[in-house]
N, C-alpha and C. Protein backbone atom coordinates (compact mmCIF):
# COMPACT_ATOMS: atom_id res chain seq x y z
N UNK A 1 11.06 7.55 -2.36
CA UNK A 1 10.82 7.97 -1.00
C UNK A 1 12.10 7.97 -0.04
N UNK A 2 12.45 9.03 0.49
CA UNK A 2 13.51 9.05 1.34
C UNK A 2 13.23 9.73 2.76
N UNK A 3 14.45 9.74 3.61
CA UNK A 3 14.27 10.55 4.61
C UNK A 3 13.67 12.08 4.79
N UNK A 4 14.18 12.23 3.62
CA UNK A 4 13.33 14.10 3.70
C UNK A 4 12.11 13.92 3.46
N UNK A 5 11.38 13.14 2.93
CA UNK A 5 9.93 12.92 2.72
C UNK A 5 9.16 12.17 4.03
N UNK A 6 10.23 11.75 5.35
CA UNK A 6 9.29 11.20 6.42
C UNK A 6 8.32 11.88 6.96
N UNK A 7 8.48 12.98 7.54
CA UNK A 7 7.43 13.89 8.20
C UNK A 7 6.06 13.75 7.24
N UNK A 8 6.23 13.99 6.23
CA UNK A 8 4.98 14.45 5.42
C UNK A 8 4.47 12.53 4.89
N UNK A 9 5.29 11.62 4.74
CA UNK A 9 4.82 10.41 4.71
C UNK A 9 3.87 9.91 5.94
N UNK A 10 4.65 10.12 6.97
CA UNK A 10 4.12 9.94 8.29
C UNK A 10 2.63 10.49 8.59
N UNK A 11 2.73 11.81 8.25
CA UNK A 11 1.38 12.54 8.47
C UNK A 11 0.25 12.14 7.40
N UNK A 12 0.49 11.87 6.26
CA UNK A 12 -0.52 11.13 5.27
C UNK A 12 -1.07 9.60 5.90
N UNK A 13 -0.03 9.02 6.41
CA UNK A 13 -0.33 7.99 6.79
C UNK A 13 -1.65 7.99 8.15
N UNK A 14 -0.94 9.17 9.33
CA UNK A 14 -1.67 9.22 10.25
C UNK A 14 -2.86 9.83 9.85
N UNK A 15 -3.29 10.56 8.94
CA UNK A 15 -4.39 11.02 8.55
C UNK A 15 -5.30 9.84 7.92
N UNK A 16 -4.79 8.77 6.98
CA UNK A 16 -5.42 7.65 6.70
C UNK A 16 -6.03 7.02 7.91
N UNK A 17 -5.04 6.69 8.85
CA UNK A 17 -5.64 5.98 10.15
C UNK A 17 -6.64 6.48 10.49
N UNK A 18 -6.45 7.96 10.93
CA UNK A 18 -7.50 8.60 11.60
C UNK A 18 -8.89 8.58 10.74
N UNK A 19 -9.09 8.03 9.35
CA UNK A 19 -10.08 8.08 8.81
C UNK A 19 -10.88 6.84 9.04
N UNK A 20 -10.07 5.94 9.79
CA UNK A 20 -10.42 4.50 10.24
C UNK A 20 -11.27 3.74 9.13
N UNK A 21 -10.84 3.60 8.01
CA UNK A 21 -11.10 2.41 6.76
C UNK A 21 -9.89 1.89 6.14
N UNK A 22 -8.62 2.28 6.72
CA UNK A 22 -7.69 2.25 5.74
C UNK A 22 -6.23 0.98 6.41
N UNK A 23 -6.45 1.14 7.44
CA UNK A 23 -5.67 -0.30 8.21
C UNK A 23 -6.08 -0.34 9.65
N UNK A 24 -5.75 -1.59 10.01
CA UNK A 24 -5.90 -1.97 11.75
C UNK A 24 -5.04 -0.89 12.48
N UNK A 25 -4.05 -0.43 12.18
CA UNK A 25 -2.89 0.44 13.00
C UNK A 25 -3.67 1.73 13.56
N UNK A 26 -3.28 2.25 14.71
CA UNK A 26 -4.06 2.86 15.44
C UNK A 26 -3.43 4.14 15.75
N UNK A 27 -2.09 4.19 15.13
CA UNK A 27 -1.14 5.21 15.39
C UNK A 27 0.03 5.08 14.29
N UNK A 28 0.87 6.11 13.85
CA UNK A 28 1.71 5.82 12.87
C UNK A 28 2.95 5.55 13.40
N UNK A 29 3.84 4.81 12.95
CA UNK A 29 4.97 4.57 13.32
C UNK A 29 6.19 5.70 13.46
N UNK A 30 7.15 5.44 14.07
CA UNK A 30 7.94 6.04 14.04
C UNK A 30 8.85 6.18 12.35
N UNK A 31 9.65 6.97 12.27
CA UNK A 31 10.53 6.94 10.65
C UNK A 31 11.30 5.76 10.62
N UNK A 32 12.00 5.41 11.61
CA UNK A 32 12.90 4.25 11.97
C UNK A 32 12.22 2.88 11.72
N UNK A 33 11.24 2.57 12.12
CA UNK A 33 10.41 1.60 12.27
C UNK A 33 9.58 1.53 10.73
N UNK A 34 9.06 2.58 10.30
CA UNK A 34 8.49 2.47 9.10
C UNK A 34 9.27 2.17 8.09
N UNK A 35 10.60 2.77 7.51
CA UNK A 35 11.54 2.53 7.07
C UNK A 35 12.28 1.13 6.93
N UNK A 36 12.45 0.63 8.33
CA UNK A 36 12.80 -0.87 8.35
C UNK A 36 12.21 -1.76 8.02
N UNK A 37 10.67 -1.44 7.93
CA UNK A 37 9.68 -2.51 7.45
C UNK A 37 9.35 -2.49 6.14
N UNK A 38 9.98 -1.44 5.28
CA UNK A 38 9.58 -1.74 3.82
C UNK A 38 10.99 -1.66 2.97
N UNK A 39 10.46 -2.47 2.10
CA UNK A 39 11.65 -2.48 1.16
C UNK A 39 11.92 -1.31 0.27
N UNK A 40 13.10 -0.78 0.11
CA UNK A 40 13.57 0.48 -0.32
C UNK A 40 13.53 0.41 -1.72
N UNK A 41 13.70 -0.32 -2.34
CA UNK A 41 13.58 -0.26 -3.95
C UNK A 41 12.26 0.04 -4.63
N UNK A 42 11.21 -0.07 -3.61
CA UNK A 42 9.86 -0.08 -3.81
C UNK A 42 8.91 0.84 -3.06
N UNK A 43 9.10 2.05 -2.86
CA UNK A 43 8.69 3.17 -1.91
C UNK A 43 8.87 4.07 -2.81
N UNK A 44 7.85 4.73 -3.13
CA UNK A 44 7.70 6.08 -4.25
C UNK A 44 6.70 7.01 -3.42
N UNK A 45 6.99 8.48 -4.06
CA UNK A 45 6.11 9.64 -3.87
C UNK A 45 5.91 10.14 -4.60
N UNK A 46 4.44 10.65 -4.51
CA UNK A 46 3.91 11.92 -5.48
C UNK A 46 4.09 12.96 -4.88
N UNK A 47 4.84 14.28 -5.80
CA UNK A 47 5.30 15.47 -5.47
C UNK A 47 4.44 16.52 -5.86
N UNK A 48 4.02 17.33 -5.45
CA UNK A 48 3.41 18.34 -6.16
C UNK A 48 4.87 19.51 -6.67
N UNK A 49 4.48 20.68 -7.33
CA UNK A 49 5.62 21.61 -7.84
C UNK A 49 6.46 22.35 -6.72
N UNK A 50 5.88 22.32 -5.34
CA UNK A 50 6.66 22.80 -4.30
C UNK A 50 7.26 21.83 -3.15
N UNK A 51 7.43 20.60 -4.01
CA UNK A 51 8.09 19.56 -3.04
C UNK A 51 6.96 18.81 -2.04
N UNK A 52 6.02 19.18 -1.90
CA UNK A 52 4.92 18.35 -0.75
C UNK A 52 4.44 17.14 -1.36
N UNK A 53 4.41 16.20 -0.53
CA UNK A 53 4.08 15.16 -0.83
C UNK A 53 2.41 14.71 -0.82
N UNK A 54 2.34 14.20 -1.82
CA UNK A 54 0.86 14.22 -2.27
C UNK A 54 0.35 12.63 -1.85
N UNK A 55 1.37 11.80 -2.06
CA UNK A 55 0.84 10.45 -1.65
C UNK A 55 2.23 9.31 -1.62
N UNK A 56 2.16 8.02 -1.28
CA UNK A 56 3.01 7.17 -1.35
C UNK A 56 2.45 5.94 -1.34
N UNK A 57 3.45 5.12 -1.90
CA UNK A 57 3.31 3.88 -1.90
C UNK A 57 4.67 2.93 -1.43
N UNK A 58 4.31 1.94 -0.76
CA UNK A 58 5.43 1.36 -0.23
C UNK A 58 5.03 -0.18 -0.29
N UNK A 59 6.03 -1.21 -0.40
CA UNK A 59 5.88 -2.61 -0.23
C UNK A 59 6.54 -3.04 1.01
N UNK A 60 6.34 -4.07 1.68
CA UNK A 60 6.89 -5.26 2.59
C UNK A 60 6.96 -6.53 2.34
N UNK A 61 7.95 -7.06 2.76
CA UNK A 61 8.00 -8.44 2.54
C UNK A 61 6.77 -9.28 3.40
N UNK A 62 6.16 -10.79 2.56
CA UNK A 62 5.23 -10.87 3.44
C UNK A 62 5.87 -12.15 4.24
N UNK A 63 6.86 -12.53 4.02
CA UNK A 63 7.66 -13.33 4.93
C UNK A 63 9.27 -13.69 4.81
N UNK A 64 9.94 -14.07 5.61
CA UNK A 64 11.28 -14.37 5.47
C UNK A 64 11.18 -15.91 4.52
N UNK A 65 10.29 -16.36 4.05
CA UNK A 65 10.75 -17.76 3.64
C UNK A 65 11.07 -17.40 2.02
N UNK A 66 11.96 -18.17 1.87
CA UNK A 66 12.71 -17.80 0.45
C UNK A 66 11.57 -18.35 -0.80
N UNK A 67 10.50 -19.45 -0.56
CA UNK A 67 9.56 -19.37 -1.51
C UNK A 67 8.57 -18.14 -1.87
N UNK A 68 8.59 -17.25 -0.73
CA UNK A 68 8.00 -16.05 -0.73
C UNK A 68 8.51 -14.93 -1.13
N UNK A 69 9.76 -14.96 -1.53
CA UNK A 69 10.48 -13.84 -2.16
C UNK A 69 10.05 -12.90 -3.02
N UNK A 70 9.08 -13.51 -3.84
CA UNK A 70 8.28 -12.48 -4.87
C UNK A 70 7.24 -12.35 -4.58
N UNK A 71 6.72 -12.30 -3.49
CA UNK A 71 5.59 -11.54 -2.86
C UNK A 71 5.70 -10.55 -1.73
N UNK A 72 5.02 -9.84 -2.00
CA UNK A 72 4.97 -8.75 -0.90
C UNK A 72 3.30 -8.05 -0.83
N UNK A 73 3.62 -7.29 0.42
CA UNK A 73 2.49 -6.59 0.70
C UNK A 73 2.50 -5.09 0.57
N UNK A 74 1.48 -4.44 -0.08
CA UNK A 74 1.65 -2.92 -0.13
C UNK A 74 0.34 -2.38 0.51
N UNK A 75 0.95 -0.81 0.76
CA UNK A 75 -0.04 0.12 1.08
C UNK A 75 0.12 1.40 0.42
N UNK A 76 -1.02 2.34 0.24
CA UNK A 76 -1.23 3.17 -0.94
C UNK A 76 -1.97 4.15 -0.16
N UNK A 77 -1.03 5.47 -0.18
CA UNK A 77 -2.07 6.64 0.88
C UNK A 77 -1.93 7.78 -0.29
N UNK A 78 -2.74 8.52 -0.02
CA UNK A 78 -3.11 10.09 -0.75
C UNK A 78 -3.48 10.86 0.44
N UNK A 79 -2.90 12.13 0.14
CA UNK A 79 -3.29 12.93 1.19
C UNK A 79 -4.94 13.42 0.85
N UNK A 80 -5.49 13.66 1.88
CA UNK A 80 -7.05 13.80 1.59
C UNK A 80 -7.16 14.90 0.54
N UNK A 81 -6.64 16.06 0.67
CA UNK A 81 -6.69 16.93 -0.38
C UNK A 81 -6.66 17.08 -1.40
N UNK A 82 -5.74 16.02 -1.74
CA UNK A 82 -5.01 15.59 -3.28
C UNK A 82 -5.64 14.13 -3.87
N UNK A 83 -7.04 13.83 -3.37
CA UNK A 83 -7.35 12.77 -3.69
C UNK A 83 -8.49 12.58 -5.00
N UNK A 84 -8.45 11.97 -5.98
CA UNK A 84 -9.47 12.33 -7.21
C UNK A 84 -8.75 12.80 -8.24
N UNK A 85 -7.40 13.04 -7.96
CA UNK A 85 -6.63 13.43 -9.19
C UNK A 85 -5.73 12.59 -9.77
N UNK A 86 -6.07 11.07 -9.68
CA UNK A 86 -5.19 9.87 -10.39
C UNK A 86 -3.74 9.47 -9.33
N UNK A 87 -3.69 10.54 -8.38
CA UNK A 87 -2.03 10.24 -7.67
C UNK A 87 -2.14 9.00 -7.17
N UNK A 88 -3.22 7.85 -6.55
CA UNK A 88 -2.68 6.75 -6.41
C UNK A 88 -2.80 6.05 -7.53
N UNK A 89 -3.38 6.07 -8.72
CA UNK A 89 -3.21 5.15 -9.89
C UNK A 89 -1.79 5.20 -10.56
N UNK A 90 -1.13 6.79 -10.56
CA UNK A 90 0.07 6.74 -10.67
C UNK A 90 1.02 6.16 -9.90
N UNK A 91 0.95 6.15 -8.40
CA UNK A 91 1.72 5.43 -7.41
C UNK A 91 1.60 4.02 -7.71
N UNK A 92 0.29 3.09 -7.95
CA UNK A 92 0.42 1.99 -8.18
C UNK A 92 0.97 1.50 -9.72
N UNK A 93 1.28 2.55 -10.67
CA UNK A 93 1.65 2.29 -11.85
C UNK A 93 3.25 2.05 -11.74
N UNK A 94 3.43 2.99 -10.70
CA UNK A 94 5.27 3.18 -10.53
C UNK A 94 5.69 1.98 -9.70
N UNK A 95 4.99 1.38 -8.62
CA UNK A 95 5.23 0.07 -7.78
C UNK A 95 5.14 -1.32 -8.51
N UNK A 96 4.04 -0.90 -9.65
CA UNK A 96 4.03 -2.28 -10.31
C UNK A 96 5.11 -2.67 -11.10
N UNK A 97 5.87 -1.20 -12.03
CA UNK A 97 7.25 -1.10 -12.72
C UNK A 97 8.45 -1.70 -11.93
N UNK A 98 8.47 -1.17 -10.75
CA UNK A 98 9.31 -1.27 -9.79
C UNK A 98 9.72 -2.89 -9.47
N UNK A 99 8.53 -3.56 -8.93
CA UNK A 99 8.48 -4.71 -8.28
C UNK A 99 8.58 -5.50 -9.71
N UNK A 100 8.18 -5.22 -10.94
CA UNK A 100 8.42 -6.40 -11.84
C UNK A 100 9.72 -6.57 -12.24
N UNK A 101 10.38 -5.39 -12.04
CA UNK A 101 11.64 -4.99 -12.66
C UNK A 101 12.49 -6.00 -11.92
N UNK A 102 11.99 -6.01 -10.43
CA UNK A 102 12.67 -6.89 -9.62
C UNK A 102 12.24 -8.42 -9.51
N UNK A 103 11.55 -8.68 -10.47
CA UNK A 103 11.15 -9.93 -10.21
C UNK A 103 10.21 -10.41 -9.24
N UNK A 104 9.47 -9.36 -8.57
CA UNK A 104 8.39 -9.94 -7.88
C UNK A 104 7.42 -10.18 -8.50
N UNK A 105 6.73 -10.98 -8.51
CA UNK A 105 5.39 -11.41 -9.26
C UNK A 105 4.06 -11.63 -8.61
N UNK A 106 3.52 -11.31 -7.12
CA UNK A 106 2.66 -11.11 -6.43
C UNK A 106 2.67 -9.83 -5.58
N UNK A 107 1.73 -8.87 -5.71
CA UNK A 107 1.71 -7.83 -4.88
C UNK A 107 0.10 -8.04 -4.44
N UNK A 108 0.33 -7.92 -3.27
CA UNK A 108 -1.02 -8.20 -2.39
C UNK A 108 -1.33 -7.16 -1.24
N UNK A 109 -2.69 -7.09 -0.82
CA UNK A 109 -3.05 -6.20 0.47
C UNK A 109 -4.56 -6.79 0.80
N UNK A 110 -5.17 -5.93 2.04
CA UNK A 110 -5.99 -6.44 2.57
C UNK A 110 -7.10 -4.78 2.82
N UNK A 111 -8.08 -5.03 2.17
CA UNK A 111 -8.80 -3.67 1.95
C UNK A 111 -10.06 -3.59 3.14
N UNK A 112 -10.57 -2.83 3.62
CA UNK A 112 -11.67 -2.89 4.43
C UNK A 112 -12.89 -2.89 3.11
N UNK A 113 -13.89 -3.48 3.26
CA UNK A 113 -14.91 -3.68 2.37
C UNK A 113 -15.36 -2.29 2.35
N UNK A 114 -15.30 -1.44 3.31
CA UNK A 114 -16.15 -0.36 3.53
C UNK A 114 -15.40 0.80 2.60
N UNK A 115 -13.99 0.74 2.25
CA UNK A 115 -13.18 1.43 1.32
C UNK A 115 -13.43 1.23 -0.31
N UNK A 116 -14.41 1.44 -0.73
CA UNK A 116 -15.08 1.18 -2.04
C UNK A 116 -14.26 1.92 -2.99
N UNK A 117 -13.42 3.47 -2.66
CA UNK A 117 -12.62 4.01 -3.48
C UNK A 117 -10.92 2.93 -3.84
N UNK A 118 -10.98 2.70 -2.77
CA UNK A 118 -9.34 1.68 -2.80
C UNK A 118 -9.76 0.42 -3.63
N UNK A 119 -10.75 -0.12 -3.39
CA UNK A 119 -11.18 -1.51 -4.07
C UNK A 119 -11.20 -1.21 -5.66
N UNK A 120 -11.87 -0.02 -6.10
CA UNK A 120 -12.22 0.22 -7.57
C UNK A 120 -10.51 0.63 -8.00
N UNK A 121 -10.10 1.43 -7.48
CA UNK A 121 -8.65 1.84 -7.64
C UNK A 121 -7.76 0.46 -8.18
N UNK A 122 -7.77 -0.31 -7.12
CA UNK A 122 -7.02 -1.50 -7.09
C UNK A 122 -7.43 -2.20 -8.63
N UNK A 123 -8.88 -2.45 -8.37
CA UNK A 123 -9.34 -3.06 -9.65
C UNK A 123 -8.94 -2.76 -11.20
N UNK A 124 -9.05 -1.27 -11.28
CA UNK A 124 -8.52 -0.76 -12.43
C UNK A 124 -7.16 -0.81 -12.63
N UNK A 125 -6.26 -1.23 -11.51
CA UNK A 125 -4.87 -1.50 -11.85
C UNK A 125 -4.55 -2.90 -11.91
N UNK A 126 -5.56 -3.59 -12.04
CA UNK A 126 -5.51 -5.05 -12.47
C UNK A 126 -5.35 -6.12 -11.28
N UNK A 127 -5.50 -5.41 -9.94
CA UNK A 127 -5.83 -6.62 -8.67
C UNK A 127 -7.28 -7.18 -9.06
N UNK A 128 -6.98 -8.26 -8.29
CA UNK A 128 -8.36 -9.14 -8.18
C UNK A 128 -8.54 -9.35 -7.01
N UNK A 129 -9.92 -9.77 -6.61
CA UNK A 129 -10.05 -10.03 -4.99
C UNK A 129 -10.10 -11.73 -5.04
N UNK A 130 -9.22 -11.96 -3.82
CA UNK A 130 -9.13 -13.50 -3.82
C UNK A 130 -10.06 -14.13 -2.70
N UNK A 131 -10.52 -13.23 -1.40
CA UNK A 131 -11.44 -13.83 -0.91
C UNK A 131 -12.01 -12.57 0.08
N UNK A 132 -12.54 -12.98 1.11
CA UNK A 132 -12.58 -12.14 2.32
C UNK A 132 -12.70 -12.60 3.40
N UNK A 133 -11.67 -12.34 4.26
CA UNK A 133 -11.44 -12.74 5.77
C UNK A 133 -12.44 -11.92 6.88
N UNK A 134 -13.25 -12.66 6.99
CA UNK A 134 -14.37 -12.44 7.99
C UNK A 134 -13.96 -11.96 9.62
N UNK A 135 -14.38 -10.87 10.03
CA UNK A 135 -13.95 -10.73 11.22
C UNK A 135 -12.34 -11.07 11.58
N UNK A 136 -11.62 -11.00 10.94
CA UNK A 136 -10.40 -11.29 11.24
C UNK A 136 -9.34 -10.30 12.31
N UNK A 137 -10.19 -9.04 12.51
CA UNK A 137 -9.47 -8.16 13.37
C UNK A 137 -10.28 -7.02 13.99
N UNK A 138 -9.95 -6.59 15.10
CA UNK A 138 -10.98 -5.43 16.20
C UNK A 138 -9.97 -4.15 15.59
N UNK A 139 -10.91 -3.37 15.40
CA UNK A 139 -10.47 -1.77 15.23
C UNK A 139 -11.63 -1.08 16.21
N UNK A 140 -10.84 -0.40 17.37
CA UNK A 140 -11.25 0.32 17.98
C UNK A 140 -12.73 -0.56 18.65
N UNK A 141 -12.40 -1.96 18.91
CA UNK A 141 -13.40 -2.65 19.51
C UNK A 141 -14.34 -3.20 18.77
N UNK A 142 -14.58 -3.20 17.43
CA UNK A 142 -15.14 -3.45 16.50
C UNK A 142 -14.58 -4.64 15.50
N UNK A 143 -15.16 -5.66 15.60
CA UNK A 143 -14.66 -6.63 14.46
C UNK A 143 -15.04 -5.84 13.07
N UNK A 144 -13.71 -6.27 12.36
CA UNK A 144 -13.77 -5.79 10.69
C UNK A 144 -13.29 -7.18 9.90
N UNK A 145 -14.16 -6.70 8.61
CA UNK A 145 -13.62 -7.96 7.49
C UNK A 145 -12.61 -7.22 6.89
N UNK A 146 -11.66 -8.09 6.10
CA UNK A 146 -11.01 -7.49 4.90
C UNK A 146 -10.99 -8.22 3.85
N UNK A 147 -11.09 -7.43 2.78
CA UNK A 147 -11.21 -8.41 1.46
C UNK A 147 -9.25 -8.30 0.92
N UNK A 148 -9.33 -9.75 0.29
CA UNK A 148 -7.57 -9.88 0.09
C UNK A 148 -7.81 -9.80 -1.21
N UNK A 149 -6.61 -8.72 -1.66
CA UNK A 149 -6.62 -8.61 -3.26
C UNK A 149 -5.14 -9.01 -3.74
N UNK A 150 -4.74 -9.15 -4.97
CA UNK A 150 -3.82 -9.18 -5.24
C UNK A 150 -3.80 -9.04 -6.79
N UNK A 151 -2.23 -8.65 -7.09
CA UNK A 151 -1.93 -8.73 -8.60
C UNK A 151 -0.96 -9.65 -8.91
N UNK A 152 -1.29 -10.35 -10.01
CA UNK A 152 -0.06 -11.52 -10.13
C UNK A 152 0.57 -10.83 -11.63
N UNK A 153 2.03 -10.59 -11.84
CA UNK A 153 2.67 -10.61 -12.59
C UNK A 153 2.43 -11.52 -13.69
N UNK A 154 2.42 -10.97 -15.25
CA UNK A 154 2.19 -11.55 -16.54
C UNK A 154 3.60 -12.24 -16.83
N UNK A 155 4.79 -11.35 -16.22
CA UNK A 155 6.08 -11.32 -16.67
C UNK A 155 7.33 -11.70 -15.82
N UNK A 156 6.96 -11.35 -14.53
CA UNK A 156 7.67 -11.47 -13.32
C UNK A 156 7.67 -12.80 -12.83
N UNK A 157 8.92 -13.57 -12.55
CA UNK A 157 8.80 -14.93 -11.71
C UNK A 157 8.06 -15.83 -12.48
N UNK A 158 7.88 -15.67 -14.07
CA UNK A 158 7.35 -16.94 -14.53
C UNK A 158 8.37 -17.84 -15.13
N UNK A 159 9.43 -17.88 -15.15
CA UNK A 159 10.46 -18.72 -15.65
C UNK A 159 11.11 -19.70 -14.55
């Protein structure tokens, strides 16, 4: 994922935001803000034959604390018309490959319970449910729960 994908990545992000079950965000950030918040070696896009971005995945560090250097939080989004074709699964596989090669031992995220497709996708990619954060935040004035998920590497960070 690079600046040449910025407009399409942010469009897909905005479409996910507009659906209401992907994030607490209510507007897509600028590319500069998006770019600065995500680790450069772990941002991937899926493109069709014409170069159209069908989906993306990216990670952000959980904290600046050195003890958490191997822990990241991820997001994966697919263009609505491209869903159901295995794009998100392929993006997650690529993310797992890049993070493990970099020594990252935990990929985590929070998923709204209503987003059953995302929960099923992550379960199939080796993520497990850690727990539920009840009424953790409001979205459009409504309290929302978030299911915490994580994937622990069996090879990275084990020595």
